[in-house]
Amino acid sequence: MTNIETCNIASRLGRGADEKPDSLAIVEISSGKQKTFKELQNESSLLASGLIQSGMKAGNRVLLMVPYGIDFVTLTFAMFKACLVPALIDPGLGIKNVLKCIKQVQPHGMIAVPLAHAIKKVFPSTFKSIQHNVTVGTRWFWGGASLKKLLDSGKTDFKMASMEKEHPAAILFTSGSTGTAKGVLFSHDIFNHQVRILQEQFNITPDETDLPTFPLFGLFSIGLGITSIIPEMDATKPARVDPKNIIDPIQNYKISSSFGSPALWDTVSQYCLSQNIQLPSLKRIIMAGAPVSGDLLARFENIIDKNCKIYTPYGATEVLPVSLIDRREILDETWALSSQGKGTCVGYPIPGVEIKIIEITDQPILNWQDVTESDANTVGEIVVKAEWATRTYFNRQDLTQLAKIEDGNSFWHRMGDLGRLDEKNRLWFYGRKNQRVVTELETLYTIPCEAIFNQHPDVKRSALVGTGSKKMAVIIIEPVNLERIKSQVSRKRFTEELLERGAKSSLTKSITKVLFHKEFPVDVRHNAKIFREKLSLWAENQK
């Protein structure tokens, strides 16, 4: 039997192979390929052995540039077993940002599809640290091994090495939604903590079938020992998913649990309502990546079974999860307050998490003794402490110093978000710290101000930004119906309606400028976080 106490996160796959060897571990809809837990265990062990045979050594950082699917999952677990450190970078960040991330990692090896290897030839200086290459697919004019060669050279008697809890497991890059994408260093211990917390908080049982639409949660599914169905979609464009590619596997495989961004579920839920489709097999939906609106949650009333839970956890790449709330509490209580500009309630701290609100500052805070804590219902900066919080950004001590506050033998992570704790110890999210608008007279927070304008039926979403050296507050509107901004007359009328609405709230009465934008720029990972920095630059150039 596999000892689950072994710190290597890959030992959880071994437990699945021991307990349910012939059960499906993973199904890839696009190719029709599937693997049982035993097959995934054996193949990842062969690959781990093959990687070591190819010259890679424990602790080597390896760039993994393979689309989310069976190969991605198998290779990731193979690297965990070989004590290699996969570096995962969203290709949707764009070539310029991806190259910056690669320079930051300085990888020793690269496992990638042919296109990525071709790009390496175009930008050799970025990839100069790479000594070992593996191609997933057809190998063209570069050297290195193929995936098949690794499997053929792997030894069947491979034994996973033991390791310390703090041994590096992976470098996962943030989505870069508020600036530079940062490489977050994970240990095997942190991954094990996260799997345990997810299992406990969501009451996940071994007989479940999951539809993860985001790579990290696909890996968690395997760690949880449940069947993972990978839908046919571009994981970097969840908002543009074909809803049938989510609905059909839910129905065909009787999916019980699914993780996805609010943008994905917005697309899927609208299609379900228009086609009168129900999804009764779902016991649980997890939406994360951006604030989730009550309007979206209300849409599920006639789609899911009454016992299905919809959770909207709060967290970040650096520490996940932090807090949790379910759909019912939002719709019954908190959404009405959110609509009045009191922030988005993201729930109660997960057991094992401490949340504090501190006085806002953009400067590093070296020690907890230097912190000024805020009272209940006072807006400030959100900081958290948890055993599964990551300690450092890889090769970015400057960013680590900005994000961590030492506290004895422990530390607090600064989320980079603003919010408040209410009298029930629930956390209310007010927006990103660096997106607040500080005018000469007041500080405006994005989420509360936008909530006022989002009440207008013709507003799809809004974005508060600051322009000019004195930070004039501007509200930018993405309309539901573009007809409303086609002519000068209709645009003027729409503007008047919005300003009239804003003037009625003490939060937004100082906002006197409205701009319209046909489609907001959003993050590549969840397609839901608004790039307000880009909108601010755009607004500077508008009349």
Foldseek 3Di string as FASTA:
>chain_A
DQDPPQLQLLSLLVVLCVPPVQQWAEAEVVVRDTHGSVRLNQQLQLLLQLVVVQPDAAAFEEEEAEAQDSVVLSPLSSCSLNNYAYEDDDPVLDPVQVLVVLQLRLGQAYEHEQVVVVVCVVVVVSNVSYDAYEYDDDDDPDDHYYSVSSNVPGDSPGDRDGDDQQRWRYWYWFLCLAHHIFTFTAGSNLLVVQLVLCCVVVVDDLAAEEEELARVVSNSSSSNNHHYYYFPDRLLCLLPDDLCSVVVCCVVVLHAEYEAELSNLQNNLVVCVVVVEARASYQEYEYEDDFHALVSLVSCPSHYDPNRWYKYFDDGPQDPGFAIDTNVCCNVPVNVVLLQLQFGWRHAGRVQKDKFFWAEDQDFAAAPVPTHTDDASDKGWIKMFGPSGGQDTRSCVVVSRRAWHDYPVGIIGGPQWMWGQHPVRITGTQGGSVFWFDAPPGIATWSSLFSLLCVPPQFPTKTWHFEDPRTQIEIETATPDCVQCPDPVSVVVSLVVSQVSQCVHPRRVSHNHYHYDNDFDGGSNRRPHGSRVVVRVVVNPDD
